[in-house]
Amino acid sequence: MSTLEKMQVLADSAQYDLCDYVSHNKSSQVNLPGIYHATGSNGCKIPLFKTLMSNKCKNDCKYCINQSKRNFTRLELNPQELSRVFLHYYNNGYVNGLF
């Protein structure tokens, strides 16, 4: 599975970890997984790189999308894949930071 395919799954799962309490729209100027627009205290939108490194979990928390008893594809990004994607996004001006 390609890094981009892994990112799509892991970024979708990361949407439940909220960076702000104002707006949770997943809109972006570019159609790339893992870009999340947090809202600053002054109302400005801040594009952040936000994804899970892994959705492999051994716990069975009933509220969690990644609970161990749920049947879906388990994926993980290694540190090199994760840093490569972030640096690509950052160097191209798609994100200003990490969540």
PDB file of N, CA and C in Angstrom:
ATOM      1  N   MET A   1       0.849  -1.169   0.000  1.00  0.00           N
ATOM      2  CA  MET A   1       0.000   0.000   0.000  1.00  0.00           C
ATOM      3  C   MET A   1       0.897   1.235   0.000  1.00  0.00           C
ATOM      4  N   SER A   2       0.561   2.223  -0.811  1.00  0.00           N
ATOM      5  CA  SER A   2       1.385   3.420  -0.922  1.00  0.00           C
ATOM      6  C   SER A   2       1.234   4.305   0.312  1.00  0.00           C
ATOM      7  N   THR A   3       2.187   5.190   0.509  1.00  0.00           N
ATOM      8  CA  THR A   3       2.128   6.134   1.625  1.00  0.00           C
ATOM      9  C   THR A   3       0.884   7.007   1.516  1.00  0.00           C
ATOM     10  N   LEU A   4       0.535   7.442   0.314  1.00  0.00           N
ATOM     11  CA  LEU A   4      -0.653   8.278   0.122  1.00  0.00           C
ATOM     12  C   LEU A   4      -1.924   7.535   0.520  1.00  0.00           C
ATOM     13  N   GLU A   5      -2.017   6.269   0.181  1.00  0.00           N
ATOM     14  CA  GLU A   5      -3.186   5.463   0.570  1.00  0.00           C
ATOM     15  C   GLU A   5      -3.253   5.303   2.091  1.00  0.00           C
ATOM     16  N   LYS A   6      -2.116   5.051   2.713  1.00  0.00           N
ATOM     17  CA  LYS A   6      -2.078   4.950   4.168  1.00  0.00           C
ATOM     18  C   LYS A   6      -2.496   6.270   4.799  1.00  0.00           C
ATOM     19  N   MET A   7      -1.990   7.380   4.258  1.00  0.00           N
ATOM     20  CA  MET A   7      -2.313   8.707   4.784  1.00  0.00           C
ATOM     21  C   MET A   7      -3.808   8.976   4.729  1.00  0.00           C
ATOM     22  N   GLN A   8      -4.460   8.558   3.648  1.00  0.00           N
ATOM     23  CA  GLN A   8      -5.897   8.800   3.522  1.00  0.00           C
ATOM     24  C   GLN A   8      -6.662   8.132   4.661  1.00  0.00           C
ATOM     25  N   VAL A   9      -6.332   6.888   4.955  1.00  0.00           N
ATOM     26  CA  VAL A   9      -7.008   6.150   6.025  1.00  0.00           C
ATOM     27  C   VAL A   9      -6.674   6.738   7.390  1.00  0.00           C
ATOM     28  N   LEU A  10      -5.399   6.973   7.651  1.00  0.00           N
ATOM     29  CA  LEU A  10      -4.977   7.449   8.965  1.00  0.00           C
ATOM     30  C   LEU A  10      -5.404   8.889   9.230  1.00  0.00           C
ATOM     31  N   ALA A  11      -5.423   9.721   8.199  1.00  0.00           N
ATOM     32  CA  ALA A  11      -5.876  11.105   8.368  1.00  0.00           C
ATOM     33  C   ALA A  11      -7.373  11.145   8.644  1.00  0.00           C
ATOM     34  N   ASP A  12      -8.137  10.278   7.989  1.00  0.00           N
ATOM     35  CA  ASP A  12      -9.575  10.216   8.259  1.00  0.00           C
ATOM     36  C   ASP A  12      -9.844   9.821   9.705  1.00  0.00           C
ATOM     37  N   SER A  13      -9.051   8.894  10.232  1.00  0.00           N
ATOM     38  CA  SER A  13      -9.225   8.470  11.623  1.00  0.00           C
ATOM     39  C   SER A  13      -8.814   9.557  12.604  1.00  0.00           C
ATOM     40  N   ALA A  14      -7.917  10.444  12.199  1.00  0.00           N
ATOM     41  CA  ALA A  14      -7.434  11.505  13.087  1.00  0.00           C
ATOM     42  C   ALA A  14      -8.447  12.630  13.263  1.00  0.00           C
ATOM     43  N   GLN A  15      -9.493  12.660  12.456  1.00  0.00           N
ATOM     44  CA  GLN A  15     -10.459  13.757  12.554  1.00  0.00           C
ATOM     45  C   GLN A  15     -11.143  13.812  13.910  1.00  0.00           C
ATOM     46  N   TYR A  16     -11.123  12.735  14.657  1.00  0.00           N
ATOM     47  CA  TYR A  16     -11.792  12.698  15.952  1.00  0.00           C
ATOM     48  C   TYR A  16     -10.962  13.326  17.065  1.00  0.00           C
ATOM     49  N   ASP A  17      -9.675  13.590  16.805  1.00  0.00           N
ATOM     50  CA  ASP A  17      -8.819  14.316  17.742  1.00  0.00           C
ATOM     51  C   ASP A  17      -8.859  15.777  17.332  1.00  0.00           C
ATOM     52  N   LEU A  18      -9.679  16.568  17.999  1.00  0.00           N
ATOM     53  CA  LEU A  18      -9.932  17.936  17.569  1.00  0.00           C
ATOM     54  C   LEU A  18      -8.885  18.913  18.078  1.00  0.00           C
ATOM     55  N   CYS A  19      -8.470  19.835  17.199  1.00  0.00           N
ATOM     56  CA  CYS A  19      -7.471  20.850  17.531  1.00  0.00           C
ATOM     57  C   CYS A  19      -8.113  22.120  18.064  1.00  0.00           C
ATOM     58  N   ASP A  20      -9.399  22.298  17.859  1.00  0.00           N
ATOM     59  CA  ASP A  20     -10.070  23.512  18.296  1.00  0.00           C
ATOM     60  C   ASP A  20     -11.519  23.198  18.599  1.00  0.00           C
ATOM     61  N   TYR A  21     -12.229  24.167  19.094  1.00  0.00           N
ATOM     62  CA  TYR A  21     -13.625  23.961  19.432  1.00  0.00           C
ATOM     63  C   TYR A  21     -14.534  24.879  18.637  1.00  0.00           C
ATOM     64  N   VAL A  22     -14.036  25.443  17.533  1.00  0.00           N
ATOM     65  CA  VAL A  22     -14.805  26.412  16.766  1.00  0.00           C
ATOM     66  C   VAL A  22     -15.301  25.824  15.460  1.00  0.00           C
ATOM     67  N   SER A  23     -14.402  25.302  14.664  1.00  0.00           N
ATOM     68  CA  SER A  23     -14.772  24.820  13.335  1.00  0.00           C
ATOM     69  C   SER A  23     -14.036  23.526  13.043  1.00  0.00           C
ATOM     70  N   HIS A  24     -14.755  22.560  12.530  1.00  0.00           N
ATOM     71  CA  HIS A  24     -14.143  21.274  12.239  1.00  0.00           C
ATOM     72  C   HIS A  24     -14.309  20.890  10.777  1.00  0.00           C
ATOM     73  N   ASN A  25     -14.314  21.869   9.904  1.00  0.00           N
ATOM     74  CA  ASN A  25     -14.416  21.603   8.471  1.00  0.00           C
ATOM     75  C   ASN A  25     -13.108  21.019   7.979  1.00  0.00           C
ATOM     76  N   LYS A  26     -13.207  20.080   7.049  1.00  0.00           N
ATOM     77  CA  LYS A  26     -12.015  19.449   6.505  1.00  0.00           C
ATOM     78  C   LYS A  26     -11.638  20.063   5.157  1.00  0.00           C
ATOM     79  N   SER A  27     -12.150  21.259   4.862  1.00  0.00           N
ATOM     80  CA  SER A  27     -11.889  21.876   3.572  1.00  0.00           C
ATOM     81  C   SER A  27     -10.426  22.286   3.467  1.00  0.00           C
ATOM     82  N   SER A  28      -9.915  22.283   2.254  1.00  0.00           N
ATOM     83  CA  SER A  28      -8.533  22.638   2.016  1.00  0.00           C
ATOM     84  C   SER A  28      -8.389  23.152   0.597  1.00  0.00           C
ATOM     85  N   GLN A  29      -7.407  23.998   0.380  1.00  0.00           N
ATOM     86  CA  GLN A  29      -7.114  24.495  -0.962  1.00  0.00           C
ATOM     87  C   GLN A  29      -6.603  23.353  -1.848  1.00  0.00           C
ATOM     88  N   VAL A  30      -5.926  22.404  -1.255  1.00  0.00           N
ATOM     89  CA  VAL A  30      -5.401  21.249  -1.972  1.00  0.00           C
ATOM     90  C   VAL A  30      -6.107  20.006  -1.461  1.00  0.00           C
ATOM     91  N   ASN A  31      -6.208  19.017  -2.306  1.00  0.00           N
ATOM     92  CA  ASN A  31      -6.909  17.794  -1.925  1.00  0.00           C
ATOM     93  C   ASN A  31      -5.892  16.738  -1.484  1.00  0.00           C
ATOM     94  N   LEU A  32      -5.296  16.968  -0.330  1.00  0.00           N
ATOM     95  CA  LEU A  32      -4.306  16.045   0.215  1.00  0.00           C
ATOM     96  C   LEU A  32      -4.752  15.599   1.597  1.00  0.00           C
ATOM     97  N   PRO A  33      -4.557  14.330   1.920  1.00  0.00           N
ATOM     98  CA  PRO A  33      -4.952  13.860   3.250  1.00  0.00           C
ATOM     99  C   PRO A  33      -4.040  14.432   4.332  1.00  0.00           C
ATOM    100  N   GLY A  34      -4.627  14.652   5.508  1.00  0.00           N
ATOM    101  CA  GLY A  34      -3.843  15.068   6.657  1.00  0.00           C
ATOM    102  C   GLY A  34      -3.757  16.558   6.880  1.00  0.00           C
ATOM    103  N   ILE A  35      -4.438  17.377   6.061  1.00  0.00           N
ATOM    104  CA  ILE A  35      -4.419  18.821   6.265  1.00  0.00           C
ATOM    105  C   ILE A  35      -5.685  19.214   7.005  1.00  0.00           C
ATOM    106  N   TYR A  36      -5.495  19.848   8.149  1.00  0.00           N
ATOM    107  CA  TYR A  36      -6.595  20.225   9.025  1.00  0.00           C
ATOM    108  C   TYR A  36      -6.477  21.707   9.324  1.00  0.00           C
ATOM    109  N   HIS A  37      -7.560  22.428   9.205  1.00  0.00           N
ATOM    110  CA  HIS A  37      -7.538  23.867   9.478  1.00  0.00           C
ATOM    111  C   HIS A  37      -8.065  24.138  10.886  1.00  0.00           C
ATOM    112  N   ALA A  38      -7.149  24.387  11.797  1.00  0.00           N
ATOM    113  CA  ALA A  38      -7.526  24.779  13.157  1.00  0.00           C
ATOM    114  C   ALA A  38      -7.870  26.265  13.124  1.00  0.00           C
ATOM    115  N   THR A  39      -8.681  26.697  14.064  1.00  0.00           N
ATOM    116  CA  THR A  39      -9.059  28.098  14.145  1.00  0.00           C
ATOM    117  C   THR A  39      -8.370  28.728  15.346  1.00  0.00           C
ATOM    118  N   GLY A  40      -7.608  29.793  15.080  1.00  0.00           N
ATOM    119  CA  GLY A  40      -6.920  30.497  16.143  1.00  0.00           C
ATOM    120  C   GLY A  40      -7.878  31.357  16.956  1.00  0.00           C
ATOM    121  N   SER A  41      -7.403  31.884  18.071  1.00  0.00           N
ATOM    122  CA  SER A  41      -8.249  32.684  18.959  1.00  0.00           C
ATOM    123  C   SER A  41      -8.751  33.958  18.285  1.00  0.00           C
ATOM    124  N   ASN A  42      -8.024  34.433  17.270  1.00  0.00           N
ATOM    125  CA  ASN A  42      -8.455  35.624  16.547  1.00  0.00           C
ATOM    126  C   ASN A  42      -9.293  35.290  15.308  1.00  0.00           C
ATOM    127  N   GLY A  43      -9.639  34.014  15.139  1.00  0.00           N
ATOM    128  CA  GLY A  43     -10.486  33.592  14.025  1.00  0.00           C
ATOM    129  C   GLY A  43      -9.744  33.170  12.775  1.00  0.00           C
ATOM    130  N   CYS A  44      -8.418  33.318  12.761  1.00  0.00           N
ATOM    131  CA  CYS A  44      -7.676  32.930  11.558  1.00  0.00           C
ATOM    132  C   CYS A  44      -7.575  31.404  11.468  1.00  0.00           C
ATOM    133  N   LYS A  45      -7.546  30.907  10.238  1.00  0.00           N
ATOM    134  CA  LYS A  45      -7.406  29.472   9.994  1.00  0.00           C
ATOM    135  C   LYS A  45      -5.928  29.134   9.872  1.00  0.00           C
ATOM    136  N   ILE A  46      -5.514  28.083  10.544  1.00  0.00           N
ATOM    137  CA  ILE A  46      -4.115  27.656  10.546  1.00  0.00           C
ATOM    138  C   ILE A  46      -4.050  26.234  10.009  1.00  0.00           C
ATOM    139  N   PRO A  47      -3.463  26.033   8.815  1.00  0.00           N
ATOM    140  CA  PRO A  47      -3.373  24.674   8.284  1.00  0.00           C
ATOM    141  C   PRO A  47      -2.302  23.866   9.019  1.00  0.00           C
ATOM    142  N   LEU A  48      -2.730  22.745   9.585  1.00  0.00           N
ATOM    143  CA  LEU A  48      -1.831  21.862  10.322  1.00  0.00           C
ATOM    144  C   LEU A  48      -1.795  20.490   9.679  1.00  0.00           C
ATOM    145  N   PHE A  49      -0.666  19.818   9.817  1.00  0.00           N
ATOM    146  CA  PHE A  49      -0.551  18.426   9.397  1.00  0.00           C
ATOM    147  C   PHE A  49      -1.031  17.583  10.566  1.00  0.00           C
ATOM    148  N   LYS A  50      -2.068  16.801  10.337  1.00  0.00           N
ATOM    149  CA  LYS A  50      -2.679  16.025  11.413  1.00  0.00           C
ATOM    150  C   LYS A  50      -3.059  14.644  10.891  1.00  0.00           C
ATOM    151  N   THR A  51      -2.418  13.642  11.407  1.00  0.00           N
ATOM    152  CA  THR A  51      -2.731  12.272  11.030  1.00  0.00           C
ATOM    153  C   THR A  51      -2.327  11.353  12.174  1.00  0.00           C
ATOM    154  N   LEU A  52      -2.840  10.153  12.145  1.00  0.00           N
ATOM    155  CA  LEU A  52      -2.378   9.145  13.084  1.00  0.00           C
ATOM    156  C   LEU A  52      -1.126   8.501  12.513  1.00  0.00           C
ATOM    157  N   MET A  53      -0.238   8.081  13.358  1.00  0.00           N
ATOM    158  CA  MET A  53       0.924   7.329  12.905  1.00  0.00           C
ATOM    159  C   MET A  53       0.529   5.868  12.702  1.00  0.00           C
ATOM    160  N   SER A  54      -0.483   5.431  13.461  1.00  0.00           N
ATOM    161  CA  SER A  54      -0.952   4.057  13.377  1.00  0.00           C
ATOM    162  C   SER A  54      -2.393   3.977  13.858  1.00  0.00           C
ATOM    163  N   ASN A  55      -3.137   3.035  13.286  1.00  0.00           N
ATOM    164  CA  ASN A  55      -4.473   2.750  13.814  1.00  0.00           C
ATOM    165  C   ASN A  55      -4.508   1.340  14.411  1.00  0.00           C
ATOM    166  N   LYS A  56      -3.329   0.811  14.686  1.00  0.00           N
ATOM    167  CA  LYS A  56      -3.205  -0.503  15.311  1.00  0.00           C
ATOM    168  C   LYS A  56      -3.295  -0.313  16.816  1.00  0.00           C
ATOM    169  N   CYS A  57      -4.361  -0.814  17.405  1.00  0.00           N
ATOM    170  CA  CYS A  57      -4.560  -0.638  18.840  1.00  0.00           C
ATOM    171  C   CYS A  57      -5.034  -1.957  19.454  1.00  0.00           C
ATOM    172  N   LYS A  58      -4.562  -2.234  20.643  1.00  0.00           N
ATOM    173  CA  LYS A  58      -4.953  -3.465  21.346  1.00  0.00           C
ATOM    174  C   LYS A  58      -6.072  -3.222  22.344  1.00  0.00           C
ATOM    175  N   ASN A  59      -6.433  -1.969  22.586  1.00  0.00           N
ATOM    176  CA  ASN A  59      -7.488  -1.637  23.542  1.00  0.00           C
ATOM    177  C   ASN A  59      -8.860  -1.747  22.879  1.00  0.00           C
ATOM    178  N   ASP A  60      -9.879  -1.913  23.688  1.00  0.00           N
ATOM    179  CA  ASP A  60     -11.241  -2.052  23.171  1.00  0.00           C
ATOM    180  C   ASP A  60     -12.148  -0.949  23.718  1.00  0.00           C
ATOM    181  N   CYS A  61     -11.717   0.285  23.584  1.00  0.00           N
ATOM    182  CA  CYS A  61     -12.513   1.424  24.042  1.00  0.00           C
ATOM    183  C   CYS A  61     -13.743   1.556  23.137  1.00  0.00           C
ATOM    184  N   LYS A  62     -14.908   1.478  23.715  1.00  0.00           N
ATOM    185  CA  LYS A  62     -16.152   1.454  22.936  1.00  0.00           C
ATOM    186  C   LYS A  62     -16.376   2.719  22.125  1.00  0.00           C
ATOM    187  N   TYR A  63     -15.847   3.852  22.563  1.00  0.00           N
ATOM    188  CA  TYR A  63     -16.053   5.122  21.872  1.00  0.00           C
ATOM    189  C   TYR A  63     -15.086   5.340  20.711  1.00  0.00           C
ATOM    190  N   CYS A  64     -14.050   4.527  20.608  1.00  0.00           N
ATOM    191  CA  CYS A  64     -12.957   4.792  19.675  1.00  0.00           C
ATOM    192  C   CYS A  64     -13.141   4.084  18.334  1.00  0.00           C
ATOM    193  N   ILE A  65     -12.854   4.804  17.268  1.00  0.00           N
ATOM    194  CA  ILE A  65     -12.946   4.248  15.921  1.00  0.00           C
ATOM    195  C   ILE A  65     -11.903   3.144  15.699  1.00  0.00           C
ATOM    196  N   ASN A  66     -10.812   3.157  16.468  1.00  0.00           N
ATOM    197  CA  ASN A  66      -9.732   2.183  16.288  1.00  0.00           C
ATOM    198  C   ASN A  66      -9.770   1.038  17.289  1.00  0.00           C
ATOM    199  N   GLN A  67     -10.893   0.827  17.954  1.00  0.00           N
ATOM    200  CA  GLN A  67     -10.978  -0.227  18.959  1.00  0.00           C
ATOM    201  C   GLN A  67     -10.590  -1.588  18.369  1.00  0.00           C
ATOM    202  N   SER A  68      -9.996  -2.404  19.191  1.00  0.00           N
ATOM    203  CA  SER A  68      -9.401  -3.665  18.732  1.00  0.00           C
ATOM    204  C   SER A  68     -10.399  -4.648  18.121  1.00  0.00           C
ATOM    205  N   LYS A  69     -11.639  -4.631  18.563  1.00  0.00           N
ATOM    206  CA  LYS A  69     -12.614  -5.600  18.050  1.00  0.00           C
ATOM    207  C   LYS A  69     -13.281  -5.169  16.751  1.00  0.00           C
ATOM    208  N   ARG A  70     -13.009  -3.950  16.311  1.00  0.00           N
ATOM    209  CA  ARG A  70     -13.579  -3.464  15.057  1.00  0.00           C
ATOM    210  C   ARG A  70     -12.798  -4.078  13.896  1.00  0.00           C
ATOM    211  N   ASN A  71     -13.506  -4.526  12.874  1.00  0.00           N
ATOM    212  CA  ASN A  71     -12.877  -5.200  11.749  1.00  0.00           C
ATOM    213  C   ASN A  71     -12.613  -4.202  10.621  1.00  0.00           C
ATOM    214  N   PHE A  72     -11.357  -3.800  10.467  1.00  0.00           N
ATOM    215  CA  PHE A  72     -10.942  -2.934   9.363  1.00  0.00           C
ATOM    216  C   PHE A  72      -9.435  -3.071   9.176  1.00  0.00           C
ATOM    217  N   THR A  73      -8.927  -2.518   8.106  1.00  0.00           N
ATOM    218  CA  THR A  73      -7.508  -2.631   7.785  1.00  0.00           C
ATOM    219  C   THR A  73      -6.673  -1.808   8.759  1.00  0.00           C
ATOM    220  N   ARG A  74      -5.709  -2.450   9.375  1.00  0.00           N
ATOM    221  CA  ARG A  74      -4.799  -1.785  10.311  1.00  0.00           C
ATOM    222  C   ARG A  74      -3.551  -1.358   9.547  1.00  0.00           C
ATOM    223  N   LEU A  75      -3.189  -0.091   9.714  1.00  0.00           N
ATOM    224  CA  LEU A  75      -2.054   0.475   8.989  1.00  0.00           C
ATOM    225  C   LEU A  75      -1.159   1.247   9.938  1.00  0.00           C
ATOM    226  N   GLU A  76       0.064   1.501   9.495  1.00  0.00           N
ATOM    227  CA  GLU A  76       0.943   2.389  10.229  1.00  0.00           C
ATOM    228  C   GLU A  76       1.934   3.024   9.278  1.00  0.00           C
ATOM    229  N   LEU A  77       2.343   4.228   9.620  1.00  0.00           N
ATOM    230  CA  LEU A  77       3.396   4.930   8.892  1.00  0.00           C
ATOM    231  C   LEU A  77       4.660   4.821   9.721  1.00  0.00           C
ATOM    232  N   ASN A  78       5.769   4.543   9.073  1.00  0.00           N
ATOM    233  CA  ASN A  78       7.022   4.550   9.818  1.00  0.00           C
ATOM    234  C   ASN A  78       7.487   6.000   9.956  1.00  0.00           C
ATOM    235  N   PRO A  79       8.412   6.286  10.854  1.00  0.00           N
ATOM    236  CA  PRO A  79       8.841   7.674  11.072  1.00  0.00           C
ATOM    237  C   PRO A  79       9.359   8.361   9.803  1.00  0.00           C
ATOM    238  N   GLN A  80      10.024   7.631   8.935  1.00  0.00           N
ATOM    239  CA  GLN A  80      10.537   8.214   7.700  1.00  0.00           C
ATOM    240  C   GLN A  80       9.395   8.633   6.770  1.00  0.00           C
ATOM    241  N   GLU A  81       8.366   7.791   6.632  1.00  0.00           N
ATOM    242  CA  GLU A  81       7.215   8.146   5.803  1.00  0.00           C
ATOM    243  C   GLU A  81       6.518   9.380   6.349  1.00  0.00           C
ATOM    244  N   LEU A  82       6.303   9.401   7.645  1.00  0.00           N
ATOM    245  CA  LEU A  82       5.609  10.507   8.284  1.00  0.00           C
ATOM    246  C   LEU A  82       6.377  11.818   8.110  1.00  0.00           C
ATOM    247  N   SER A  83       7.664  11.790   8.378  1.00  0.00           N
ATOM    248  CA  SER A  83       8.462  13.015   8.248  1.00  0.00           C
ATOM    249  C   SER A  83       8.569  13.453   6.792  1.00  0.00           C
ATOM    250  N   ARG A  84       8.673  12.522   5.859  1.00  0.00           N
ATOM    251  CA  ARG A  84       8.743  12.855   4.439  1.00  0.00           C
ATOM    252  C   ARG A  84       7.473  13.568   3.977  1.00  0.00           C
ATOM    253  N   VAL A  85       6.308  13.057   4.381  1.00  0.00           N
ATOM    254  CA  VAL A  85       5.043  13.687   4.004  1.00  0.00           C
ATOM    255  C   VAL A  85       4.932  15.067   4.631  1.00  0.00           C
ATOM    256  N   PHE A  86       5.230  15.181   5.940  1.00  0.00           N
ATOM    257  CA  PHE A  86       5.146  16.495   6.583  1.00  0.00           C
ATOM    258  C   PHE A  86       6.068  17.500   5.905  1.00  0.00           C
ATOM    259  N   LEU A  87       7.314  17.140   5.674  1.00  0.00           N
ATOM    260  CA  LEU A  87       8.254  18.078   5.053  1.00  0.00           C
ATOM    261  C   LEU A  87       7.812  18.475   3.653  1.00  0.00           C
ATOM    262  N   HIS A  88       7.238  17.551   2.903  1.00  0.00           N
ATOM    263  CA  HIS A  88       6.701  17.878   1.571  1.00  0.00           C
ATOM    264  C   HIS A  88       5.579  18.906   1.700  1.00  0.00           C
ATOM    265  N   TYR A  89       4.643  18.677   2.615  1.00  0.00           N
ATOM    266  CA  TYR A  89       3.539  19.611   2.839  1.00  0.00           C
ATOM    267  C   TYR A  89       4.065  20.974   3.301  1.00  0.00           C
ATOM    268  N   TYR A  90       4.982  20.968   4.255  1.00  0.00           N
ATOM    269  CA  TYR A  90       5.508  22.209   4.822  1.00  0.00           C
ATOM    270  C   TYR A  90       6.298  23.000   3.776  1.00  0.00           C
ATOM    271  N   ASN A  91       7.188  22.324   3.057  1.00  0.00           N
ATOM    272  CA  ASN A  91       8.026  23.004   2.059  1.00  0.00           C
ATOM    273  C   ASN A  91       7.215  23.546   0.891  1.00  0.00           C
ATOM    274  N   ASN A  92       6.039  22.986   0.640  1.00  0.00           N
ATOM    275  CA  ASN A  92       5.178  23.472  -0.432  1.00  0.00           C
ATOM    276  C   ASN A  92       4.120  24.457   0.068  1.00  0.00           C
ATOM    277  N   GLY A  93       4.178  24.792   1.358  1.00  0.00           N
ATOM    278  CA  GLY A  93       3.282  25.787   1.921  1.00  0.00           C
ATOM    279  C   GLY A  93       1.868  25.302   2.175  1.00  0.00           C
ATOM    280  N   TYR A  94       1.668  23.981   2.220  1.00  0.00           N
ATOM    281  CA  TYR A  94       0.323  23.440   2.471  1.00  0.00           C
ATOM    282  C   TYR A  94      -0.039  23.490   3.954  1.00  0.00           C
ATOM    283  N   VAL A  95       0.968  23.393   4.845  1.00  0.00           N
ATOM    284  CA  VAL A  95       0.738  23.428   6.289  1.00  0.00           C
ATOM    285  C   VAL A  95       1.752  24.357   6.950  1.00  0.00           C
ATOM    286  N   ASN A  96       1.353  24.847   8.133  1.00  0.00           N
ATOM    287  CA  ASN A  96       2.256  25.714   8.909  1.00  0.00           C
ATOM    288  C   ASN A  96       2.798  25.021  10.141  1.00  0.00           C
ATOM    289  N   GLY A  97       2.326  23.830  10.449  1.00  0.00           N
ATOM    290  CA  GLY A  97       2.791  23.146  11.642  1.00  0.00           C
ATOM    291  C   GLY A  97       2.195  21.761  11.777  1.00  0.00           C
ATOM    292  N   LEU A  98       2.439  21.143  12.935  1.00  0.00           N
ATOM    293  CA  LEU A  98       1.986  19.786  13.236  1.00  0.00           C
ATOM    294  C   LEU A  98       0.958  19.796  14.358  1.00  0.00           C
ATOM    295  N   PHE A  99       0.054  18.815  14.333  1.00  0.00           N
ATOM    296  CA  PHE A  99      -0.825  18.575  15.468  1.00  0.00           C
ATOM    297  C   PHE A  99      -0.435  17.247  16.038  1.00  0.00           C
TER     298      PHE A  99
END
